[in-house]
Protein backbone atom coordinates (compact mmCIF):
# COMPACT_ATOMS: atom_id res chain seq x y z
CA SER A 1 -32.89 -50.81 15.22
CA THR A 2 -34.52 -49.81 12.39
CA ASP A 3 -32.40 -46.59 11.77
CA ALA A 4 -29.10 -47.03 10.33
CA THR A 5 -28.28 -44.00 11.73
CA THR A 6 -28.76 -45.11 15.44
CA VAL A 7 -25.12 -47.06 17.39
CA GLU A 8 -25.84 -49.07 20.00
CA GLN A 9 -23.25 -50.81 22.23
CA VAL A 10 -23.76 -54.57 22.51
CA GLY A 11 -21.70 -56.67 24.79
CA GLY A 12 -18.49 -55.43 26.94
CA ALA A 13 -15.28 -54.14 26.29
CA ILE A 14 -12.71 -57.27 25.75
CA GLU A 15 -9.14 -56.63 25.87
CA MET A 16 -6.75 -57.59 22.87
CA THR A 17 -3.09 -58.85 23.44
CA ALA A 18 -0.56 -60.51 21.21
CA ALA A 19 -1.05 -63.57 23.18
CA LYS A 20 -4.24 -64.04 21.54
CA GLU A 21 -2.67 -63.11 18.40
CA TRP A 22 -4.51 -59.13 18.48
CA LYS A 23 -8.03 -61.55 17.14
CA HIS A 24 -11.55 -61.95 18.56
CA SER A 25 -15.03 -63.14 17.85
CA PHE A 26 -18.35 -62.13 19.10
CA THR A 27 -20.59 -64.98 18.99
CA ASN A 28 -24.18 -65.71 19.22
CA LEU A 29 -25.44 -62.22 18.27
CA PRO A 30 -29.01 -61.69 17.06
CA ALA A 31 -29.12 -61.02 13.03
CA TYR A 32 -32.51 -59.52 12.79
CA ASP A 33 -34.49 -57.15 15.19
CA LYS A 34 -37.84 -57.69 16.02
CA ASP A 35 -39.21 -56.49 12.89
CA GLY A 36 -37.03 -58.42 10.76
CA ASN A 37 -34.63 -55.20 9.63
CA LYS A 38 -30.77 -56.64 9.90
CA TYR A 39 -28.41 -55.72 12.19
CA ILE A 40 -24.74 -54.40 11.02
CA TYR A 41 -22.13 -55.37 13.38
CA PHE A 42 -18.63 -53.38 13.84
CA ALA A 43 -16.14 -52.91 16.24
CA VAL A 44 -14.49 -49.42 17.39
CA GLU A 45 -11.60 -49.42 19.51
CA THR A 46 -11.79 -47.56 22.82
CA SER A 47 -8.05 -47.35 23.19
CA THR A 48 -4.95 -46.57 21.25
CA GLY A 49 -2.06 -44.78 23.21
CA ASN A 50 0.35 -43.10 20.42
CA TYR A 51 -1.17 -44.88 17.46
CA LEU A 52 -3.64 -43.40 14.41
CA THR A 53 -6.34 -45.78 14.40
CA SER A 54 -7.78 -46.57 10.92
CA TYR A 55 -10.51 -48.48 10.23
CA ASP A 56 -11.90 -51.55 7.08
CA TYR A 57 -15.65 -52.49 7.41
CA SER A 58 -15.06 -54.15 4.03
CA ASP A 59 -15.78 -57.23 4.80
CA ALA A 60 -19.39 -58.46 6.29
CA GLY A 61 -18.95 -59.26 9.64
CA LYS A 62 -15.89 -58.02 10.20
CA THR A 63 -13.89 -54.68 11.36
CA VAL A 64 -10.00 -54.86 10.63
CA ILE A 65 -8.40 -52.02 12.97
CA THR A 66 -5.76 -51.00 11.79
CA ASN A 67 -3.47 -49.00 14.43
CA THR A 68 -0.27 -46.83 13.08
CA ALA A 69 2.75 -45.33 14.99
CA LYS A 70 2.38 -41.09 15.25
CA GLY A 71 5.05 -39.29 15.46
CA GLU A 72 5.66 -35.69 14.62
CA ILE A 73 8.50 -33.70 12.85
CA SER A 74 9.77 -30.38 13.41
CA GLY A 75 12.66 -28.26 11.72
CA THR A 76 13.69 -24.36 12.15
CA LYS A 77 13.90 -21.08 9.90
CA THR A 78 16.21 -18.73 10.30
CA TRP A 79 17.09 -15.26 8.73
CA LEU A 80 20.04 -14.14 7.69
CA ASP A 81 18.66 -10.85 6.95
CA ASN A 82 20.23 -8.31 9.75
CA ASN A 83 17.66 -8.73 12.11
CA ASN A 84 14.49 -7.68 9.33
CA ALA A 85 16.27 -3.99 9.76
CA TYR A 86 15.23 -2.79 5.76
CA GLY A 87 12.19 -1.59 5.11
CA THR A 88 9.62 0.57 6.85
CA ASP A 89 7.87 -3.14 8.05
CA GLY A 90 11.00 -5.21 7.79
CA THR A 91 11.10 -7.53 4.67
CA ARG A 92 10.31 -10.63 6.46
CA PRO A 93 6.60 -12.49 5.17
CA GLU A 94 4.85 -12.70 8.44
CA THR A 95 4.16 -16.33 7.19
CA LEU A 96 5.48 -19.17 5.54
CA THR A 97 4.26 -21.77 2.93
CA LEU A 98 5.54 -25.04 3.62
CA THR A 99 5.06 -28.02 1.22
CA LEU A 100 5.26 -31.83 3.07
CA LYS A 101 5.82 -34.60 1.16
CA ARG A 102 6.20 -38.51 2.06
CA SER A 103 7.38 -41.91 0.54
CA VAL A 104 8.49 -45.42 1.17
CA GLU A 105 11.62 -46.66 -0.15
CA GLY A 106 11.19 -47.46 -3.82
CA GLY A 107 7.91 -44.91 -3.78
CA ASP A 108 6.65 -41.74 -5.13
CA SER A 109 6.53 -39.01 -3.09
CA GLU A 110 2.67 -38.12 -2.10
CA PRO A 111 1.70 -34.42 -0.76
CA VAL A 112 0.64 -34.54 2.91
CA ASN A 113 -2.29 -32.69 4.36
CA ALA A 114 -0.99 -31.28 7.27
CA THR A 115 0.04 -28.00 8.84
CA PRO A 116 2.43 -26.75 10.39
CA GLU A 117 2.77 -24.98 14.18
CA TRP A 118 5.16 -22.04 14.23
CA THR A 119 6.56 -20.34 16.89
CA LYS A 120 8.75 -17.53 16.62
CA ASN A 121 11.60 -17.84 18.65
CA ASP A 122 14.09 -14.62 18.56
CA ASP A 123 14.79 -12.26 16.81
CA ASN A 124 16.13 -14.51 13.80
CA THR A 125 14.88 -17.82 14.17
CA TRP A 126 11.21 -19.87 14.23
CA THR A 127 10.48 -23.41 14.64
CA TYR A 128 8.06 -25.96 13.22
CA VAL A 129 6.24 -29.12 13.92
CA TYR A 130 4.14 -31.22 12.04
CA LYS A 131 2.39 -32.98 14.84
CA ASP A 132 0.38 -36.69 14.95
CA LEU A 133 1.51 -37.74 11.43
CA PRO A 134 1.54 -41.53 10.36
CA MET A 135 4.63 -42.81 10.78
CA ALA A 136 4.25 -46.12 8.31
CA ASP A 137 2.31 -46.68 5.38
CA LYS A 138 -0.57 -49.71 6.18
CA THR A 139 1.76 -52.22 5.18
CA GLY A 140 4.80 -51.19 8.21
CA GLN A 141 6.86 -49.75 5.47
CA ALA A 142 8.31 -46.28 7.53
CA TYR A 143 7.84 -43.16 5.85
CA THR A 144 10.75 -40.76 4.96
CA TYR A 145 9.04 -37.12 5.06
CA THR A 146 10.88 -33.88 3.06
CA VAL A 147 10.08 -30.64 3.52
CA LYS A 148 10.08 -27.32 0.70
CA GLU A 149 9.54 -24.31 1.31
CA ALA A 150 8.28 -22.06 -0.36
CA VAL A 151 10.51 -19.16 -0.57
CA PRO A 152 9.46 -15.03 0.20
CA SER A 153 10.11 -12.82 -1.96
CA GLY A 154 13.55 -11.25 -1.69
CA TYR A 155 15.16 -13.99 0.20
CA GLU A 156 16.87 -17.15 -1.32
CA LEU A 157 16.68 -20.87 0.39
CA SER A 158 20.77 -20.47 0.88
CA LYS A 159 20.58 -23.94 2.71
CA GLN A 160 18.57 -27.03 4.17
CA ASP A 161 20.10 -29.31 6.28
CA GLY A 162 17.46 -32.01 6.67
CA TYR A 163 14.37 -29.85 7.89
CA ASN A 164 16.06 -26.52 8.56
CA LEU A 165 16.04 -24.27 6.41
CA THR A 166 17.75 -20.92 6.46
CA ASN A 167 17.50 -18.04 3.76
CA THR A 168 19.37 -14.92 3.19
CA LEU A 169 18.07 -11.91 2.08
CA THR A 170 18.92 -10.86 -1.19
CA GLY A 171 18.63 -8.01 -4.00
CA LYS A 172 20.76 -5.23 -5.04
CA VAL A 173 21.61 -1.22 -2.88
CA LYS A 174 23.32 1.64 -4.26
CA VAL A 175 26.43 2.74 -1.61
CA SER A 176 26.45 6.42 -2.91
CA GLY A 177 28.84 9.26 -1.13
CA THR A 178 30.32 12.71 -0.58
CA LYS A 179 34.07 13.66 0.12
CA THR A 180 34.71 16.70 1.66
CA TRP A 181 38.45 17.95 1.57
CA VAL A 182 39.87 19.84 4.83
CA GLY A 183 43.05 22.11 3.85
CA GLY A 184 43.01 21.70 0.43
CA GLU A 185 42.48 19.00 -2.42
CA PRO A 186 44.87 16.43 -3.69
CA ALA A 187 46.02 16.97 -7.31
CA GLU A 188 45.40 12.99 -7.62
CA LEU A 189 42.92 10.93 -5.96
CA GLN A 190 43.01 6.67 -6.16
CA LEU A 191 39.64 4.76 -4.20
CA THR A 192 39.74 0.64 -3.91
């Protein structure tokens, strides 16, 4: 084809196996079309199961397909704030911001461009999950993921256990009261 954006399937599907060392070569393919335009060939995987797929076409005439196991991480957000009872609309924000980072053993931490899905389970616990995360880098080294919260105003991160976060409401309150005596006031009063 002369149009570089036209993609056509050539030949049928093949099955790659461990017994064949996960390799296959397509042979006797024409190099040029009838007008003398060079064909560009590449392979595409049609079924990957629970893997993320990436392609490397940098070596002309060769496609390197990398399958990386994918998984998810999840955690909880527990609120210690008397069931969000303070203020007109409570003190909790509607949403939270988490930063997800990953690293391999001995490597630097890097941010991950992923958004968690939140579920507000009950009055004091929310859950979140990051889905379809690669569990290893391209060389097969396992990733370790960490989560950091942008703690909302008026709260402190009082506990983090892995991916489970607990926020405690902070602040100061003023307590005042009035004492009323029935039957006369005593000469002396001690408060503790």
